[in-house]
Each structure stands twice: as structure tokens, then as C-alpha cells.
Amino acid sequence: MTQAQKKYKVANITLNKNKPTQLTYDDLFDWVIWQFPKIQEGGGLCGAVRPSIPDHQWYPAILYLKEKKVVVYGHVADQFPSPETASDHFYQNGKSSAK
């Protein structure tokens, strides 16, 4: 598999197909960022993100507020219609190991 096949682009953001993608808040300046105050492994908060495209799916994410970083789980196979269902991904599949 080539490097290009391991990534895909959504609303000017390149996401990994086979692992979480680490981004900054600045990278996601025109995306919607939702957070839930439940601590995940590494001190991040459970959350979800999506591009500002009407009816676009949500991606599970871990938000690191102090570092202003977001780990986006764009590689998961499921589609999530709401931020709550996207963040539930972490509870259904065990703890996150991202940072």
C-alpha cells in the first residue's frame, strides 16, 4: 500500500486510514469540536469532531486542552450521526491509547 492509500482528505484535513491522526486546534479551525468532560488515557478529554459540512458524520476524538492537540479517530469503520455516538466508540472498544 502506498503512502497516498494510507490517507484520505476531508474538508482540507488529511486523515490516516489505519491509525488515529494527531492534529492541532489550528488545523481544525473550521471544524466543529465537541468535548465531554470524561478523562481518557493520557489526560485527554473524550470528544468528537466533524467538518462544517451539513449532515457530515462525526469522528471520535481525544482532546488535549493544554497542548491544543486533537487526536482524530478517522480510521474507524463506523459512521457516527452525533457527537455522543462518536464518543461512545471509546467505551464500546475500551480505553484510548492515543496521544
N, C-alpha and C. Protein backbone atom coordinates (compact mmCIF):
# COMPACT_ATOMS: atom_id res chain seq x y z
N MET A 1 0.85 -1.18 0.00
CA MET A 1 0.00 0.00 0.00
C MET A 1 0.90 1.24 0.00
N THR A 2 0.62 2.17 -0.89
CA THR A 2 1.42 3.38 -0.96
C THR A 2 1.02 4.36 0.13
N GLN A 3 1.86 5.35 0.35
CA GLN A 3 1.57 6.37 1.37
C GLN A 3 0.24 7.07 1.09
N ALA A 4 -0.06 7.35 -0.18
CA ALA A 4 -1.31 8.02 -0.53
C ALA A 4 -2.52 7.17 -0.17
N GLN A 5 -2.41 5.86 -0.27
CA GLN A 5 -3.52 4.98 0.04
C GLN A 5 -3.77 4.88 1.54
N LYS A 6 -2.81 5.27 2.36
CA LYS A 6 -2.94 5.20 3.81
C LYS A 6 -3.60 6.45 4.39
N LYS A 7 -3.93 7.42 3.53
CA LYS A 7 -4.51 8.68 3.98
C LYS A 7 -5.67 9.07 3.08
N TYR A 8 -6.55 9.91 3.60
CA TYR A 8 -7.63 10.47 2.79
C TYR A 8 -7.92 11.88 3.29
N LYS A 9 -8.54 12.67 2.45
CA LYS A 9 -8.76 14.07 2.76
C LYS A 9 -10.24 14.35 2.98
N VAL A 10 -10.54 15.10 4.05
CA VAL A 10 -11.89 15.54 4.36
C VAL A 10 -11.82 17.02 4.70
N ALA A 11 -12.50 17.84 3.91
CA ALA A 11 -12.56 19.29 4.18
C ALA A 11 -11.18 19.87 4.48
N ASN A 12 -10.22 19.63 3.60
CA ASN A 12 -8.85 20.16 3.69
C ASN A 12 -8.01 19.58 4.83
N ILE A 13 -8.47 18.51 5.46
CA ILE A 13 -7.71 17.85 6.52
C ILE A 13 -7.38 16.44 6.03
N THR A 14 -6.12 16.05 6.13
CA THR A 14 -5.70 14.71 5.74
C THR A 14 -5.74 13.81 6.97
N LEU A 15 -6.51 12.73 6.87
CA LEU A 15 -6.66 11.77 7.97
C LEU A 15 -6.02 10.44 7.58
N ASN A 16 -5.48 9.74 8.57
CA ASN A 16 -4.93 8.41 8.35
C ASN A 16 -6.05 7.39 8.23
N LYS A 17 -5.86 6.40 7.38
CA LYS A 17 -6.85 5.32 7.22
C LYS A 17 -6.60 4.17 8.19
N ASN A 18 -5.39 4.08 8.75
CA ASN A 18 -5.05 2.90 9.55
C ASN A 18 -4.67 3.19 11.00
N LYS A 19 -4.74 4.45 11.41
CA LYS A 19 -4.41 4.81 12.80
C LYS A 19 -4.96 6.20 13.09
N PRO A 20 -5.05 6.58 14.37
CA PRO A 20 -5.52 7.93 14.70
C PRO A 20 -4.60 9.00 14.09
N THR A 21 -5.17 10.16 13.84
CA THR A 21 -4.45 11.29 13.26
C THR A 21 -4.32 12.38 14.30
N GLN A 22 -3.09 12.82 14.56
CA GLN A 22 -2.86 13.89 15.53
C GLN A 22 -2.85 15.23 14.81
N LEU A 23 -3.71 16.15 15.29
CA LEU A 23 -3.84 17.48 14.71
C LEU A 23 -3.80 18.52 15.81
N THR A 24 -3.75 19.78 15.42
CA THR A 24 -3.84 20.87 16.39
C THR A 24 -5.20 21.53 16.27
N TYR A 25 -5.55 22.32 17.28
CA TYR A 25 -6.80 23.09 17.20
C TYR A 25 -6.77 23.99 15.96
N ASP A 26 -5.61 24.56 15.65
CA ASP A 26 -5.49 25.43 14.48
C ASP A 26 -5.80 24.67 13.20
N ASP A 27 -5.37 23.40 13.11
CA ASP A 27 -5.68 22.58 11.93
C ASP A 27 -7.18 22.48 11.72
N LEU A 28 -7.92 22.40 12.83
CA LEU A 28 -9.36 22.19 12.79
C LEU A 28 -10.16 23.48 12.97
N PHE A 29 -9.59 24.62 12.55
CA PHE A 29 -10.22 25.91 12.83
C PHE A 29 -11.62 26.04 12.26
N ASP A 30 -11.94 25.35 11.17
CA ASP A 30 -13.30 25.46 10.62
C ASP A 30 -14.11 24.18 10.81
N TRP A 31 -13.67 23.31 11.70
CA TRP A 31 -14.42 22.11 12.07
C TRP A 31 -15.18 22.35 13.36
N VAL A 32 -16.18 21.52 13.62
CA VAL A 32 -16.92 21.57 14.88
C VAL A 32 -16.22 20.62 15.85
N ILE A 33 -15.88 21.12 17.04
CA ILE A 33 -15.21 20.32 18.07
C ILE A 33 -16.15 20.20 19.26
N TRP A 34 -16.47 18.96 19.64
CA TRP A 34 -17.36 18.68 20.77
C TRP A 34 -16.56 17.93 21.81
N GLN A 35 -16.70 18.32 23.06
CA GLN A 35 -15.98 17.61 24.13
C GLN A 35 -16.92 17.22 25.25
N PHE A 36 -16.59 16.11 25.86
CA PHE A 36 -17.32 15.61 27.01
C PHE A 36 -16.31 15.48 28.14
N PRO A 37 -16.63 15.98 29.33
CA PRO A 37 -15.62 16.01 30.40
C PRO A 37 -15.34 14.65 31.05
N LYS A 38 -15.03 13.67 30.23
CA LYS A 38 -14.63 12.36 30.74
C LYS A 38 -13.18 12.15 30.33
N ILE A 39 -12.32 11.97 31.31
CA ILE A 39 -10.89 11.84 31.06
C ILE A 39 -10.58 10.51 30.40
N GLN A 40 -9.76 10.57 29.36
CA GLN A 40 -9.28 9.39 28.66
C GLN A 40 -7.82 9.17 29.03
N GLU A 41 -7.29 8.05 28.62
CA GLU A 41 -5.88 7.74 28.88
C GLU A 41 -4.99 8.86 28.37
N GLY A 42 -3.99 9.24 29.14
CA GLY A 42 -3.09 10.31 28.75
C GLY A 42 -3.56 11.69 29.16
N GLY A 43 -4.70 11.78 29.86
CA GLY A 43 -5.17 13.07 30.35
C GLY A 43 -6.04 13.85 29.40
N GLY A 44 -6.36 13.30 28.24
CA GLY A 44 -7.22 13.99 27.29
C GLY A 44 -8.68 13.82 27.65
N LEU A 45 -9.52 14.60 27.01
CA LEU A 45 -10.96 14.50 27.20
C LEU A 45 -11.59 13.78 26.02
N CYS A 46 -12.61 13.02 26.31
CA CYS A 46 -13.38 12.33 25.29
C CYS A 46 -14.07 13.39 24.44
N GLY A 47 -14.12 13.17 23.14
CA GLY A 47 -14.78 14.14 22.29
C GLY A 47 -15.10 13.61 20.92
N ALA A 48 -15.49 14.51 20.05
CA ALA A 48 -15.80 14.19 18.66
C ALA A 48 -15.61 15.45 17.83
N VAL A 49 -15.30 15.25 16.55
CA VAL A 49 -15.11 16.37 15.63
C VAL A 49 -15.79 16.04 14.31
N ARG A 50 -16.13 17.09 13.58
CA ARG A 50 -16.65 16.91 12.22
C ARG A 50 -16.40 18.19 11.43
N PRO A 51 -16.27 18.05 10.12
CA PRO A 51 -16.12 19.26 9.31
C PRO A 51 -17.43 20.03 9.28
N SER A 52 -17.35 21.29 8.94
CA SER A 52 -18.55 22.13 8.86
C SER A 52 -19.26 21.90 7.53
N ILE A 53 -19.59 20.66 7.29
CA ILE A 53 -20.33 20.25 6.09
C ILE A 53 -21.67 19.72 6.58
N PRO A 54 -22.77 20.26 6.09
CA PRO A 54 -24.08 19.78 6.57
C PRO A 54 -24.21 18.26 6.46
N ASP A 55 -24.76 17.67 7.52
CA ASP A 55 -25.03 16.23 7.58
C ASP A 55 -23.79 15.34 7.50
N HIS A 56 -22.62 15.90 7.72
CA HIS A 56 -21.40 15.07 7.71
C HIS A 56 -21.31 14.28 9.01
N GLN A 57 -20.72 13.11 8.94
CA GLN A 57 -20.54 12.25 10.12
C GLN A 57 -19.59 12.87 11.13
N TRP A 58 -19.63 12.35 12.35
CA TRP A 58 -18.73 12.75 13.43
C TRP A 58 -17.63 11.70 13.56
N TYR A 59 -16.44 12.15 13.93
CA TYR A 59 -15.31 11.26 14.18
C TYR A 59 -15.01 11.28 15.69
N PRO A 60 -14.79 10.12 16.30
CA PRO A 60 -14.35 10.12 17.70
C PRO A 60 -13.01 10.87 17.80
N ALA A 61 -12.79 11.52 18.93
CA ALA A 61 -11.55 12.28 19.11
C ALA A 61 -11.20 12.37 20.59
N ILE A 62 -9.91 12.52 20.85
CA ILE A 62 -9.42 12.81 22.19
C ILE A 62 -8.84 14.22 22.13
N LEU A 63 -9.30 15.08 23.04
CA LEU A 63 -8.86 16.47 23.05
C LEU A 63 -7.90 16.70 24.20
N TYR A 64 -6.77 17.30 23.89
CA TYR A 64 -5.76 17.66 24.89
C TYR A 64 -5.76 19.19 24.98
N LEU A 65 -6.48 19.71 25.96
CA LEU A 65 -6.74 21.14 26.04
C LEU A 65 -5.48 21.97 26.23
N LYS A 66 -4.63 21.60 27.17
CA LYS A 66 -3.42 22.39 27.44
C LYS A 66 -2.48 22.41 26.24
N GLU A 67 -2.35 21.27 25.57
CA GLU A 67 -1.45 21.17 24.42
C GLU A 67 -2.08 21.68 23.14
N LYS A 68 -3.42 21.92 23.17
CA LYS A 68 -4.18 22.35 22.00
C LYS A 68 -4.02 21.36 20.85
N LYS A 69 -4.09 20.06 21.21
CA LYS A 69 -4.00 18.98 20.23
C LYS A 69 -5.27 18.16 20.26
N VAL A 70 -5.55 17.55 19.12
CA VAL A 70 -6.71 16.69 18.97
C VAL A 70 -6.25 15.43 18.24
N VAL A 71 -6.59 14.28 18.78
CA VAL A 71 -6.32 13.02 18.10
C VAL A 71 -7.65 12.55 17.52
N VAL A 72 -7.72 12.52 16.20
CA VAL A 72 -8.96 12.20 15.49
C VAL A 72 -8.92 10.73 15.06
N TYR A 73 -9.97 10.01 15.40
CA TYR A 73 -10.09 8.59 15.05
C TYR A 73 -10.86 8.45 13.74
N GLY A 74 -10.30 9.01 12.68
CA GLY A 74 -10.93 8.96 11.37
C GLY A 74 -10.75 7.62 10.68
N HIS A 75 -10.00 6.73 11.30
CA HIS A 75 -9.73 5.42 10.71
C HIS A 75 -10.75 4.35 11.12
N VAL A 76 -11.64 4.66 12.06
CA VAL A 76 -12.61 3.66 12.50
C VAL A 76 -13.65 3.43 11.40
N ALA A 77 -14.14 2.22 11.34
CA ALA A 77 -15.04 1.83 10.25
C ALA A 77 -16.46 2.36 10.40
N ASP A 78 -16.86 2.65 11.63
CA ASP A 78 -18.24 3.06 11.88
C ASP A 78 -18.52 4.50 11.46
N GLN A 79 -19.77 4.77 11.14
CA GLN A 79 -20.25 6.13 10.87
C GLN A 79 -21.01 6.59 12.11
N PHE A 80 -20.83 7.84 12.51
CA PHE A 80 -21.45 8.34 13.74
C PHE A 80 -22.30 9.57 13.44
N PRO A 81 -23.62 9.48 13.67
CA PRO A 81 -24.52 10.58 13.34
C PRO A 81 -24.52 11.72 14.37
N SER A 82 -23.95 11.49 15.55
CA SER A 82 -23.94 12.52 16.58
C SER A 82 -22.61 12.47 17.34
N PRO A 83 -22.25 13.55 18.03
CA PRO A 83 -21.01 13.52 18.81
C PRO A 83 -21.08 12.51 19.95
N GLU A 84 -22.26 12.33 20.50
CA GLU A 84 -22.41 11.37 21.61
C GLU A 84 -22.13 9.94 21.14
N THR A 85 -22.67 9.58 19.98
CA THR A 85 -22.43 8.22 19.49
C THR A 85 -20.97 8.04 19.06
N ALA A 86 -20.36 9.10 18.56
CA ALA A 86 -18.94 9.02 18.20
C ALA A 86 -18.08 8.81 19.44
N SER A 87 -18.35 9.57 20.50
CA SER A 87 -17.53 9.43 21.71
C SER A 87 -17.79 8.10 22.41
N ASP A 88 -18.99 7.52 22.21
CA ASP A 88 -19.27 6.19 22.76
C ASP A 88 -18.34 5.13 22.20
N HIS A 89 -17.74 5.40 21.07
CA HIS A 89 -16.78 4.47 20.46
C HIS A 89 -15.71 4.06 21.48
N PHE A 90 -15.26 5.01 22.30
CA PHE A 90 -14.21 4.72 23.27
C PHE A 90 -14.67 3.77 24.36
N TYR A 91 -15.93 3.84 24.71
CA TYR A 91 -16.47 2.99 25.77
C TYR A 91 -16.82 1.60 25.25
N GLN A 92 -17.20 1.53 23.98
CA GLN A 92 -17.53 0.25 23.39
C GLN A 92 -16.28 -0.55 23.03
N ASN A 93 -15.18 0.14 22.81
CA ASN A 93 -13.96 -0.51 22.35
C ASN A 93 -12.80 -0.41 23.35
N GLY A 94 -13.09 -0.08 24.58
CA GLY A 94 -12.02 0.02 25.57
C GLY A 94 -11.39 1.40 25.58
N LYS A 95 -10.37 1.55 26.41
CA LYS A 95 -9.70 2.85 26.56
C LYS A 95 -8.90 3.22 25.33
N SER A 96 -8.76 4.50 25.12
CA SER A 96 -7.93 5.02 24.05
C SER A 96 -6.47 4.91 24.47
N SER A 97 -5.61 4.71 23.49
CA SER A 97 -4.18 4.70 23.77
C SER A 97 -3.48 5.79 22.97
N ALA A 98 -4.22 6.80 22.58
CA ALA A 98 -3.67 7.84 21.72
C ALA A 98 -3.10 9.01 22.51
N LYS A 99 -2.09 9.57 21.99
CA LYS A 99 -1.56 10.88 22.36
C LYS A 99 -0.46 11.24 21.43
